[in-house]
Amino acid sequence: MLPIVLTKKQKILIIGAGNAAIIKLKTLKENNHKITILSKEFPQNLSEFSFKKKTGDFYELKMSFFKKFDLIYLAIPIENKTEFIKKINKIKEKKLINILADHTLGNFIHPCTRKNDNFMVSVSTYGKNPKKARLLCEKFIKLDEN
């Protein structure tokens, strides 16, 4: 695995508008990316974030919809695994996609990244324990501050 550190604006698609989407938005807002969120519903208050809102269903999207995005984060539950994997495999041929429900289905994992004035730290647990990655990352940053 190679960690991905985003250093310039990307066109990002987040599919889903639940808690996982909010976590991604918090991580991505720092670099002022062009973010689009696609979801059937928007149950959360997302007013603190800057993004383009689209209402729709992942399973009904045509492949051409994904062309304009650099990175795709899929933050929805897997409903029909056979249909889901078939669609994901087509997307993976041309795009970087992170599947939050099952990291093994995507083609990249976004590590937890924190930075301060001196350095940037990225920690990954290969998608197995994101909370532990976050805690370790924050611990490393605090070591430098002391």
C-alpha atoms as a PDB file:
ATOM      1  CA  MET A   1       0.000   0.000   0.000  1.00  0.00           C
ATOM      2  CA  LEU A   2       1.156   3.489  -0.795  1.00  0.00           C
ATOM      3  CA  PRO A   3      -0.360   6.279   1.286  1.00  0.00           C
ATOM      4  CA  ILE A   4      -2.203   9.005  -0.579  1.00  0.00           C
ATOM      5  CA  VAL A   5      -1.525  12.551   0.568  1.00  0.00           C
ATOM      6  CA  LEU A   6      -3.573  15.066  -1.382  1.00  0.00           C
ATOM      7  CA  THR A   7      -1.472  18.129  -2.154  1.00  0.00           C
ATOM      8  CA  LYS A   8      -3.693  19.912  -4.660  1.00  0.00           C
ATOM      9  CA  LYS A   9      -7.384  20.379  -5.288  1.00  0.00           C
ATOM     10  CA  GLN A  10      -9.181  17.272  -6.440  1.00  0.00           C
ATOM     11  CA  LYS A  11     -12.657  16.723  -7.811  1.00  0.00           C
ATOM     12  CA  ILE A  12     -14.075  14.403  -5.192  1.00  0.00           C
ATOM     13  CA  LEU A  13     -17.322  12.459  -5.131  1.00  0.00           C
ATOM     14  CA  ILE A  14     -18.684  11.178  -1.836  1.00  0.00           C
ATOM     15  CA  ILE A  15     -21.598   8.796  -2.231  1.00  0.00           C
ATOM     16  CA  GLY A  16     -23.718   8.793   0.911  1.00  0.00           C
ATOM     17  CA  ALA A  17     -24.510  11.529   3.436  1.00  0.00           C
ATOM     18  CA  GLY A  18     -24.316   9.731   6.782  1.00  0.00           C
ATOM     19  CA  ASN A  19     -21.689   9.705   9.532  1.00  0.00           C
ATOM     20  CA  ALA A  20     -18.972   8.191   7.317  1.00  0.00           C
ATOM     21  CA  ALA A  21     -19.478  11.012   4.796  1.00  0.00           C
ATOM     22  CA  ILE A  22     -19.130  13.607   7.550  1.00  0.00           C
ATOM     23  CA  ILE A  23     -15.826  12.075   8.659  1.00  0.00           C
ATOM     24  CA  LYS A  24     -14.526  12.285   5.078  1.00  0.00           C
ATOM     25  CA  LEU A  25     -15.774  15.877   4.734  1.00  0.00           C
ATOM     26  CA  LYS A  26     -13.904  16.898   7.888  1.00  0.00           C
ATOM     27  CA  THR A  27     -10.724  15.336   6.532  1.00  0.00           C
ATOM     28  CA  LEU A  28     -11.051  16.779   3.039  1.00  0.00           C
ATOM     29  CA  LYS A  29     -12.246  20.318   3.840  1.00  0.00           C
ATOM     30  CA  GLU A  30      -8.745  21.362   4.867  1.00  0.00           C
ATOM     31  CA  ASN A  31      -7.474  21.399   1.259  1.00  0.00           C
ATOM     32  CA  ASN A  32     -10.491  23.127  -0.288  1.00  0.00           C
ATOM     33  CA  HIS A  33     -11.296  20.324  -2.713  1.00  0.00           C
ATOM     34  CA  LYS A  34     -14.208  20.471  -5.125  1.00  0.00           C
ATOM     35  CA  ILE A  35     -16.554  18.042  -3.401  1.00  0.00           C
ATOM     36  CA  THR A  36     -19.837  16.626  -4.641  1.00  0.00           C
ATOM     37  CA  ILE A  37     -22.044  14.524  -2.390  1.00  0.00           C
ATOM     38  CA  LEU A  38     -24.547  12.185  -3.972  1.00  0.00           C
ATOM     39  CA  SER A  39     -27.176  10.587  -1.767  1.00  0.00           C
ATOM     40  CA  LYS A  40     -30.776   9.443  -1.812  1.00  0.00           C
ATOM     41  CA  GLU A  41     -31.328  11.512   1.343  1.00  0.00           C
ATOM     42  CA  PHE A  42     -29.457  14.166   3.312  1.00  0.00           C
ATOM     43  CA  PRO A  43     -30.480  13.421   6.927  1.00  0.00           C
ATOM     44  CA  GLN A  44     -27.476  15.161   8.543  1.00  0.00           C
ATOM     45  CA  ASN A  45     -26.877  18.885   8.910  1.00  0.00           C
ATOM     46  CA  LEU A  46     -23.965  19.487   6.538  1.00  0.00           C
ATOM     47  CA  SER A  47     -24.185  23.289   6.464  1.00  0.00           C
ATOM     48  CA  GLU A  48     -20.660  23.779   7.855  1.00  0.00           C
ATOM     49  CA  PHE A  49     -19.172  22.134   4.759  1.00  0.00           C
ATOM     50  CA  SER A  50     -18.776  23.425   1.235  1.00  0.00           C
ATOM     51  CA  PHE A  51     -19.946  20.933  -1.383  1.00  0.00           C
ATOM     52  CA  LYS A  52     -22.253  20.456  -4.338  1.00  0.00           C
ATOM     53  CA  LYS A  53     -25.341  18.436  -3.489  1.00  0.00           C
ATOM     54  CA  LYS A  54     -26.846  15.841  -5.861  1.00  0.00           C
ATOM     55  CA  THR A  55     -29.777  13.597  -5.079  1.00  0.00           C
ATOM     56  CA  GLY A  56     -29.584  10.126  -6.568  1.00  0.00           C
ATOM     57  CA  ASP A  57     -29.005   6.420  -6.116  1.00  0.00           C
ATOM     58  CA  PHE A  58     -25.553   4.872  -6.629  1.00  0.00           C
ATOM     59  CA  TYR A  59     -27.047   1.753  -8.204  1.00  0.00           C
ATOM     60  CA  GLU A  60     -28.857   3.801 -10.862  1.00  0.00           C
ATOM     61  CA  LEU A  61     -25.848   5.897 -11.949  1.00  0.00           C
ATOM     62  CA  LYS A  62     -24.401   5.463 -15.428  1.00  0.00           C
ATOM     63  CA  MET A  63     -20.642   5.009 -15.725  1.00  0.00           C
ATOM     64  CA  SER A  64     -20.333   8.359 -17.520  1.00  0.00           C
ATOM     65  CA  PHE A  65     -21.333  10.109 -14.268  1.00  0.00           C
ATOM     66  CA  PHE A  66     -17.992   9.167 -12.667  1.00  0.00           C
ATOM     67  CA  LYS A  67     -15.773  10.583 -15.456  1.00  0.00           C
ATOM     68  CA  LYS A  68     -15.456  14.097 -14.025  1.00  0.00           C
ATOM     69  CA  PHE A  69     -14.184  13.000 -10.594  1.00  0.00           C
ATOM     70  CA  ASP A  70     -10.591  12.288  -9.502  1.00  0.00           C
ATOM     71  CA  LEU A  71     -11.383  10.402  -6.284  1.00  0.00           C
ATOM     72  CA  ILE A  72     -14.525   8.597  -5.192  1.00  0.00           C
ATOM     73  CA  TYR A  73     -15.440   7.716  -1.612  1.00  0.00           C
ATOM     74  CA  LEU A  74     -18.299   5.267  -1.291  1.00  0.00           C
ATOM     75  CA  ALA A  75     -19.931   5.782   2.120  1.00  0.00           C
ATOM     76  CA  ILE A  76     -23.058   3.665   1.779  1.00  0.00           C
ATOM     77  CA  PRO A  77     -23.962   0.173   2.969  1.00  0.00           C
ATOM     78  CA  ILE A  78     -23.569  -2.666   0.504  1.00  0.00           C
ATOM     79  CA  GLU A  79     -27.098  -3.803  -0.384  1.00  0.00           C
ATOM     80  CA  ASN A  80     -26.697  -6.286  -3.239  1.00  0.00           C
ATOM     81  CA  LYS A  81     -23.086  -7.492  -3.089  1.00  0.00           C
ATOM     82  CA  THR A  82     -23.070  -9.089  -6.568  1.00  0.00           C
ATOM     83  CA  GLU A  83     -24.444  -5.981  -8.275  1.00  0.00           C
ATOM     84  CA  PHE A  84     -22.271  -3.749  -6.089  1.00  0.00           C
ATOM     85  CA  ILE A  85     -19.014  -5.553  -6.929  1.00  0.00           C
ATOM     86  CA  LYS A  86     -19.854  -5.598 -10.641  1.00  0.00           C
ATOM     87  CA  LYS A  87     -20.341  -1.825 -10.636  1.00  0.00           C
ATOM     88  CA  ILE A  88     -17.291  -1.168  -8.442  1.00  0.00           C
ATOM     89  CA  ASN A  89     -15.049  -3.240 -10.712  1.00  0.00           C
ATOM     90  CA  LYS A  90     -16.065  -1.129 -13.709  1.00  0.00           C
ATOM     91  CA  ILE A  91     -15.335   2.086 -11.809  1.00  0.00           C
ATOM     92  CA  LYS A  92     -11.944   0.773 -10.581  1.00  0.00           C
ATOM     93  CA  GLU A  93     -10.770   0.316 -14.163  1.00  0.00           C
ATOM     94  CA  LYS A  94     -10.536   4.101 -14.565  1.00  0.00           C
ATOM     95  CA  LYS A  95     -10.895   5.765 -11.152  1.00  0.00           C
ATOM     96  CA  LEU A  96      -9.530   5.672  -7.614  1.00  0.00           C
ATOM     97  CA  ILE A  97     -12.313   4.515  -5.318  1.00  0.00           C
ATOM     98  CA  ASN A  98     -12.370   4.011  -1.562  1.00  0.00           C
ATOM     99  CA  ILE A  99     -15.114   1.742  -0.209  1.00  0.00           C
ATOM    100  CA  LEU A 100     -15.711   2.563   3.444  1.00  0.00           C
ATOM    101  CA  ALA A 101     -17.918  -0.494   4.108  1.00  0.00           C
ATOM    102  CA  ASP A 102     -15.225  -2.926   2.855  1.00  0.00           C
ATOM    103  CA  HIS A 103     -11.761  -1.528   2.109  1.00  0.00           C
ATOM    104  CA  THR A 104     -10.753  -4.686   0.215  1.00  0.00           C
ATOM    105  CA  LEU A 105     -13.192  -3.859  -2.608  1.00  0.00           C
ATOM    106  CA  GLY A 106     -11.681  -0.473  -3.459  1.00  0.00           C
ATOM    107  CA  ASN A 107      -8.323   0.369  -4.965  1.00  0.00           C
ATOM    108  CA  PHE A 108      -7.012   2.773  -2.321  1.00  0.00           C
ATOM    109  CA  ILE A 109      -7.172   3.396   1.413  1.00  0.00           C
ATOM    110  CA  HIS A 110      -7.036   6.940   2.663  1.00  0.00           C
ATOM    111  CA  PRO A 111      -4.768   6.883   5.735  1.00  0.00           C
ATOM    112  CA  CYS A 112      -5.426   9.084   8.733  1.00  0.00           C
ATOM    113  CA  THR A 113      -3.238  12.164   8.304  1.00  0.00           C
ATOM    114  CA  ARG A 114      -2.404  14.951  10.744  1.00  0.00           C
ATOM    115  CA  LYS A 115       0.078  17.779  10.397  1.00  0.00           C
ATOM    116  CA  ASN A 116       1.619  20.526  12.445  1.00  0.00           C
ATOM    117  CA  ASP A 117       4.264  23.159  11.671  1.00  0.00           C
ATOM    118  CA  ASN A 118       7.099  20.619  11.539  1.00  0.00           C
ATOM    119  CA  PHE A 119       5.797  17.528   9.789  1.00  0.00           C
ATOM    120  CA  MET A 120       2.893  15.442   8.552  1.00  0.00           C
ATOM    121  CA  VAL A 121       2.066  11.962   9.876  1.00  0.00           C
ATOM    122  CA  SER A 122      -0.057   9.361   8.117  1.00  0.00           C
ATOM    123  CA  VAL A 123      -1.115   6.140   9.793  1.00  0.00           C
ATOM    124  CA  SER A 124      -3.106   3.297   8.307  1.00  0.00           C
ATOM    125  CA  THR A 125      -4.390   0.082   9.799  1.00  0.00           C
ATOM    126  CA  TYR A 126      -5.252  -1.139   6.288  1.00  0.00           C
ATOM    127  CA  GLY A 127      -8.865  -0.162   6.885  1.00  0.00           C
ATOM    128  CA  LYS A 128      -9.238  -2.522   9.848  1.00  0.00           C
ATOM    129  CA  ASN A 129      -9.338   0.023  12.675  1.00  0.00           C
ATOM    130  CA  PRO A 130      -9.639   3.675  11.563  1.00  0.00           C
ATOM    131  CA  LYS A 131     -10.154   4.875  15.148  1.00  0.00           C
ATOM    132  CA  LYS A 132      -6.823   3.337  16.219  1.00  0.00           C
ATOM    133  CA  ALA A 133      -5.101   4.965  13.225  1.00  0.00           C
ATOM    134  CA  ARG A 134      -6.526   8.354  14.237  1.00  0.00           C
ATOM    135  CA  LEU A 135      -5.413   7.945  17.876  1.00  0.00           C
ATOM    136  CA  LEU A 136      -1.882   6.918  16.852  1.00  0.00           C
ATOM    137  CA  CYS A 137      -1.636   9.790  14.392  1.00  0.00           C
ATOM    138  CA  GLU A 138      -2.683  12.323  17.030  1.00  0.00           C
ATOM    139  CA  LYS A 139      -0.236  10.799  19.522  1.00  0.00           C
ATOM    140  CA  PHE A 140       2.694  11.215  17.099  1.00  0.00           C
ATOM    141  CA  ILE A 141       1.790  14.848  16.459  1.00  0.00           C
ATOM    142  CA  LYS A 142       1.566  15.559  20.211  1.00  0.00           C
ATOM    143  CA  LEU A 143       5.041  14.036  20.742  1.00  0.00           C
ATOM    144  CA  ASP A 144       6.496  16.714  18.489  1.00  0.00           C
ATOM    145  CA  GLU A 145       4.658  19.488  20.312  1.00  0.00           C
ATOM    146  CA  ASN A 146       6.172  18.566  23.713  1.00  0.00           C
END
